[in-house]
């Protein structure tokens, strides 16, 4: 069984010491979606949301969220992130918006949490921007799709 690195010998939560780890290039890609009524998706597509540019605001919020992950998740390290890319794609089949985030860093720890936070915050922002039209929206399927770099190597979701 894999040992949980955020627990000390007594089982108490602690921040992992990464000072002896090599600095490597690390990337994480996360995805998720927000499902809504077709009429709500049409509002976003037409640019008729009362609060303004839904997708542009969500992209910026996702970027900002990734950079503040260490302030939200207690045991995450503050990182000097080198790239954050957030994409929001309208999807009639959901109906809703698919969100993808890619985060890169050269550092001693990975950026999985930063990518997951970017997707989460972008989806929450979309909810906030159009909740007046659709309070029944669902944020779903947030997951890590890809992680590269570091001791554990590459992970790709099936």
C-alpha atoms as a PDB file:
ATOM      1  CA  UNK A   1       0.000   0.000   0.000  1.00  0.00           C
ATOM      2  CA  UNK A   2       1.237   3.504  -0.851  1.00  0.00           C
ATOM      3  CA  UNK A   3       2.196   5.663   2.138  1.00  0.00           C
ATOM      4  CA  UNK A   4       0.356   8.977   2.314  1.00  0.00           C
ATOM      5  CA  UNK A   5       3.013  11.667   2.192  1.00  0.00           C
ATOM      6  CA  UNK A   6       0.964  14.316   4.001  1.00  0.00           C
ATOM      7  CA  UNK A   7       0.814  12.273   7.219  1.00  0.00           C
ATOM      8  CA  UNK A   8       3.662  12.054   9.716  1.00  0.00           C
ATOM      9  CA  UNK A   9       4.570   8.950  11.749  1.00  0.00           C
ATOM     10  CA  UNK A  10       1.847   9.752  14.288  1.00  0.00           C
ATOM     11  CA  UNK A  11      -0.803  10.213  11.581  1.00  0.00           C
ATOM     12  CA  UNK A  12      -0.955  14.010  11.865  1.00  0.00           C
ATOM     13  CA  UNK A  13      -1.254  16.148   8.729  1.00  0.00           C
ATOM     14  CA  UNK A  14       1.919  17.956   7.708  1.00  0.00           C
ATOM     15  CA  UNK A  15       3.384  19.714   4.698  1.00  0.00           C
ATOM     16  CA  UNK A  16       5.714  17.458   2.717  1.00  0.00           C
ATOM     17  CA  UNK A  17       9.383  18.468   2.765  1.00  0.00           C
ATOM     18  CA  UNK A  18      10.359  18.844  -0.902  1.00  0.00           C
ATOM     19  CA  UNK A  19      13.713  20.535  -0.246  1.00  0.00           C
ATOM     20  CA  UNK A  20      15.713  17.463  -1.328  1.00  0.00           C
ATOM     21  CA  UNK A  21      13.708  16.846  -4.509  1.00  0.00           C
ATOM     22  CA  UNK A  22      15.137  17.730  -7.904  1.00  0.00           C
ATOM     23  CA  UNK A  23      13.765  20.722  -9.768  1.00  0.00           C
ATOM     24  CA  UNK A  24      12.073  19.311 -12.868  1.00  0.00           C
ATOM     25  CA  UNK A  25       9.623  20.508 -15.475  1.00  0.00           C
ATOM     26  CA  UNK A  26       6.127  19.484 -14.391  1.00  0.00           C
ATOM     27  CA  UNK A  27       2.770  19.731 -16.136  1.00  0.00           C
ATOM     28  CA  UNK A  28      -0.770  18.881 -15.118  1.00  0.00           C
ATOM     29  CA  UNK A  29      -3.957  18.913 -17.162  1.00  0.00           C
ATOM     30  CA  UNK A  30      -7.359  18.726 -15.486  1.00  0.00           C
ATOM     31  CA  UNK A  31     -10.874  18.792 -16.859  1.00  0.00           C
ATOM     32  CA  UNK A  32     -14.471  19.077 -15.731  1.00  0.00           C
ATOM     33  CA  UNK A  33     -17.810  20.401 -16.852  1.00  0.00           C
ATOM     34  CA  UNK A  34     -20.881  22.289 -15.774  1.00  0.00           C
ATOM     35  CA  UNK A  35     -24.218  20.942 -16.971  1.00  0.00           C
ATOM     36  CA  UNK A  36     -27.145  23.316 -17.443  1.00  0.00           C
ATOM     37  CA  UNK A  37     -30.460  23.798 -19.195  1.00  0.00           C
ATOM     38  CA  UNK A  38     -30.211  24.332 -22.984  1.00  0.00           C
ATOM     39  CA  UNK A  39     -31.697  27.816 -22.517  1.00  0.00           C
ATOM     40  CA  UNK A  40     -28.873  28.738 -20.116  1.00  0.00           C
ATOM     41  CA  UNK A  41     -26.281  27.546 -22.599  1.00  0.00           C
ATOM     42  CA  UNK A  42     -27.994  29.684 -25.255  1.00  0.00           C
ATOM     43  CA  UNK A  43     -27.665  32.752 -22.978  1.00  0.00           C
ATOM     44  CA  UNK A  44     -23.927  32.148 -22.692  1.00  0.00           C
ATOM     45  CA  UNK A  45     -23.539  31.507 -26.429  1.00  0.00           C
ATOM     46  CA  UNK A  46     -25.433  34.695 -27.344  1.00  0.00           C
ATOM     47  CA  UNK A  47     -23.563  36.809 -24.790  1.00  0.00           C
ATOM     48  CA  UNK A  48     -26.822  37.729 -23.062  1.00  0.00           C
ATOM     49  CA  UNK A  49     -25.840  36.918 -19.464  1.00  0.00           C
ATOM     50  CA  UNK A  50     -26.612  39.900 -17.235  1.00  0.00           C
ATOM     51  CA  UNK A  51     -23.195  39.771 -15.546  1.00  0.00           C
ATOM     52  CA  UNK A  52     -21.254  39.957 -18.831  1.00  0.00           C
ATOM     53  CA  UNK A  53     -18.726  37.743 -20.609  1.00  0.00           C
ATOM     54  CA  UNK A  54     -19.233  34.377 -18.891  1.00  0.00           C
ATOM     55  CA  UNK A  55     -16.461  32.379 -20.548  1.00  0.00           C
ATOM     56  CA  UNK A  56     -13.867  35.167 -20.462  1.00  0.00           C
ATOM     57  CA  UNK A  57     -14.539  35.761 -16.785  1.00  0.00           C
ATOM     58  CA  UNK A  58     -14.386  32.016 -16.069  1.00  0.00           C
ATOM     59  CA  UNK A  59     -11.012  31.709 -17.835  1.00  0.00           C
ATOM     60  CA  UNK A  60      -9.549  34.554 -15.789  1.00  0.00           C
ATOM     61  CA  UNK A  61     -11.018  33.178 -12.557  1.00  0.00           C
ATOM     62  CA  UNK A  62      -9.523  29.758 -13.297  1.00  0.00           C
ATOM     63  CA  UNK A  63      -6.094  31.297 -13.861  1.00  0.00           C
ATOM     64  CA  UNK A  64      -6.358  33.310 -10.663  1.00  0.00           C
ATOM     65  CA  UNK A  65      -7.582  30.269  -8.728  1.00  0.00           C
ATOM     66  CA  UNK A  66      -4.646  28.141  -9.837  1.00  0.00           C
ATOM     67  CA  UNK A  67      -2.195  30.789  -8.619  1.00  0.00           C
ATOM     68  CA  UNK A  68      -3.892  30.880  -5.191  1.00  0.00           C
ATOM     69  CA  UNK A  69      -4.214  27.131  -4.635  1.00  0.00           C
ATOM     70  CA  UNK A  70      -1.758  27.180  -1.728  1.00  0.00           C
ATOM     71  CA  UNK A  71      -4.065  29.651   0.059  1.00  0.00           C
ATOM     72  CA  UNK A  72      -7.067  27.339  -0.339  1.00  0.00           C
ATOM     73  CA  UNK A  73      -5.624  23.843   0.162  1.00  0.00           C
ATOM     74  CA  UNK A  74      -3.795  23.793   3.517  1.00  0.00           C
ATOM     75  CA  UNK A  75      -0.858  21.523   2.652  1.00  0.00           C
ATOM     76  CA  UNK A  76      -0.100  22.753  -0.875  1.00  0.00           C
ATOM     77  CA  UNK A  77       3.185  24.541  -1.474  1.00  0.00           C
ATOM     78  CA  UNK A  78       3.231  28.045  -2.953  1.00  0.00           C
ATOM     79  CA  UNK A  79       4.641  27.663  -6.471  1.00  0.00           C
ATOM     80  CA  UNK A  80       6.162  29.945  -9.055  1.00  0.00           C
ATOM     81  CA  UNK A  81       3.834  28.818 -11.843  1.00  0.00           C
ATOM     82  CA  UNK A  82       5.207  29.360 -15.344  1.00  0.00           C
ATOM     83  CA  UNK A  83       2.006  28.757 -17.350  1.00  0.00           C
ATOM     84  CA  UNK A  84      -1.732  28.483 -16.798  1.00  0.00           C
ATOM     85  CA  UNK A  85      -4.085  27.924 -19.709  1.00  0.00           C
ATOM     86  CA  UNK A  86      -7.835  27.577 -19.148  1.00  0.00           C
ATOM     87  CA  UNK A  87     -10.197  26.724 -21.987  1.00  0.00           C
ATOM     88  CA  UNK A  88     -13.995  26.757 -21.850  1.00  0.00           C
ATOM     89  CA  UNK A  89     -15.869  24.983 -24.618  1.00  0.00           C
ATOM     90  CA  UNK A  90     -19.611  25.126 -25.178  1.00  0.00           C
ATOM     91  CA  UNK A  91     -21.090  21.635 -25.575  1.00  0.00           C
ATOM     92  CA  UNK A  92     -24.663  21.159 -26.777  1.00  0.00           C
ATOM     93  CA  UNK A  93     -24.527  17.444 -25.941  1.00  0.00           C
ATOM     94  CA  UNK A  94     -24.155  18.073 -22.182  1.00  0.00           C
ATOM     95  CA  UNK A  95     -25.722  20.702 -22.475  1.00  0.00           C
ATOM     96  CA  UNK A  96     -23.163  22.943 -20.792  1.00  0.00           C
ATOM     97  CA  UNK A  97     -19.540  23.979 -20.744  1.00  0.00           C
ATOM     98  CA  UNK A  98     -16.447  21.763 -20.703  1.00  0.00           C
ATOM     99  CA  UNK A  99     -13.472  23.281 -18.899  1.00  0.00           C
ATOM    100  CA  UNK A 100      -9.827  22.263 -19.313  1.00  0.00           C
ATOM    101  CA  UNK A 101      -6.809  23.664 -17.474  1.00  0.00           C
ATOM    102  CA  UNK A 102      -3.123  23.141 -18.137  1.00  0.00           C
ATOM    103  CA  UNK A 103      -0.582  24.283 -15.550  1.00  0.00           C
ATOM    104  CA  UNK A 104       3.225  24.171 -15.824  1.00  0.00           C
ATOM    105  CA  UNK A 105       6.066  24.762 -13.394  1.00  0.00           C
ATOM    106  CA  UNK A 106       9.762  24.065 -13.021  1.00  0.00           C
ATOM    107  CA  UNK A 107       9.936  23.040  -9.414  1.00  0.00           C
ATOM    108  CA  UNK A 108      10.234  20.445  -6.692  1.00  0.00           C
ATOM    109  CA  UNK A 109       6.554  19.526  -6.524  1.00  0.00           C
ATOM    110  CA  UNK A 110       3.781  19.028  -9.043  1.00  0.00           C
ATOM    111  CA  UNK A 111       0.891  21.206 -10.166  1.00  0.00           C
ATOM    112  CA  UNK A 112      -1.983  18.717 -10.107  1.00  0.00           C
ATOM    113  CA  UNK A 113      -3.829  20.638  -7.408  1.00  0.00           C
ATOM    114  CA  UNK A 114      -3.352  23.900  -9.280  1.00  0.00           C
ATOM    115  CA  UNK A 115      -4.894  22.440 -12.439  1.00  0.00           C
ATOM    116  CA  UNK A 116      -7.803  20.927 -10.505  1.00  0.00           C
ATOM    117  CA  UNK A 117      -8.365  24.223  -8.683  1.00  0.00           C
ATOM    118  CA  UNK A 118      -8.348  26.138 -11.981  1.00  0.00           C
ATOM    119  CA  UNK A 119     -11.098  23.902 -13.379  1.00  0.00           C
ATOM    120  CA  UNK A 120     -13.123  24.065 -10.165  1.00  0.00           C
ATOM    121  CA  UNK A 121     -12.942  27.855  -9.904  1.00  0.00           C
ATOM    122  CA  UNK A 122     -13.780  28.315 -13.601  1.00  0.00           C
ATOM    123  CA  UNK A 123     -16.859  26.085 -13.215  1.00  0.00           C
ATOM    124  CA  UNK A 124     -17.915  27.901 -10.042  1.00  0.00           C
ATOM    125  CA  UNK A 125     -17.546  31.219 -11.863  1.00  0.00           C
ATOM    126  CA  UNK A 126     -19.773  30.027 -14.695  1.00  0.00           C
ATOM    127  CA  UNK A 127     -22.342  28.985 -12.086  1.00  0.00           C
ATOM    128  CA  UNK A 128     -22.140  32.403 -10.434  1.00  0.00           C
ATOM    129  CA  UNK A 129     -22.441  34.264 -13.724  1.00  0.00           C
ATOM    130  CA  UNK A 130     -25.686  32.554 -14.817  1.00  0.00           C
ATOM    131  CA  UNK A 131     -27.259  31.284 -11.584  1.00  0.00           C
ATOM    132  CA  UNK A 132     -30.079  33.805 -11.947  1.00  0.00           C
ATOM    133  CA  UNK A 133     -31.211  31.839 -15.013  1.00  0.00           C
ATOM    134  CA  UNK A 134     -30.504  28.296 -13.774  1.00  0.00           C
ATOM    135  CA  UNK A 135     -29.938  27.352 -10.143  1.00  0.00           C
ATOM    136  CA  UNK A 136     -30.038  23.639 -11.010  1.00  0.00           C
ATOM    137  CA  UNK A 137     -26.681  23.555 -12.804  1.00  0.00           C
ATOM    138  CA  UNK A 138     -24.331  20.711 -11.843  1.00  0.00           C
ATOM    139  CA  UNK A 139     -20.542  20.786 -11.719  1.00  0.00           C
ATOM    140  CA  UNK A 140     -19.336  17.307 -12.677  1.00  0.00           C
ATOM    141  CA  UNK A 141     -16.451  15.036 -13.541  1.00  0.00           C
ATOM    142  CA  UNK A 142     -13.553  17.175 -12.326  1.00  0.00           C
ATOM    143  CA  UNK A 143     -10.460  15.031 -12.661  1.00  0.00           C
ATOM    144  CA  UNK A 144      -6.766  14.948 -13.432  1.00  0.00           C
ATOM    145  CA  UNK A 145      -6.237  13.942 -17.051  1.00  0.00           C
ATOM    146  CA  UNK A 146      -2.449  14.112 -17.299  1.00  0.00           C
ATOM    147  CA  UNK A 147       0.540  14.729 -15.060  1.00  0.00           C
ATOM    148  CA  UNK A 148       4.181  14.732 -16.127  1.00  0.00           C
ATOM    149  CA  UNK A 149       7.470  15.235 -14.321  1.00  0.00           C
ATOM    150  CA  UNK A 150       8.760  14.437 -10.899  1.00  0.00           C
ATOM    151  CA  UNK A 151       9.719  11.157  -9.238  1.00  0.00           C
ATOM    152  CA  UNK A 152       6.462   9.369 -10.025  1.00  0.00           C
ATOM    153  CA  UNK A 153       6.751  10.139 -13.754  1.00  0.00           C
ATOM    154  CA  UNK A 154       3.811  10.398 -16.111  1.00  0.00           C
ATOM    155  CA  UNK A 155       0.207   9.668 -15.218  1.00  0.00           C
ATOM    156  CA  UNK A 156      -2.467   9.635 -17.893  1.00  0.00           C
ATOM    157  CA  UNK A 157      -6.113   8.992 -17.037  1.00  0.00           C
ATOM    158  CA  UNK A 158      -7.682   6.034 -18.830  1.00  0.00           C
END
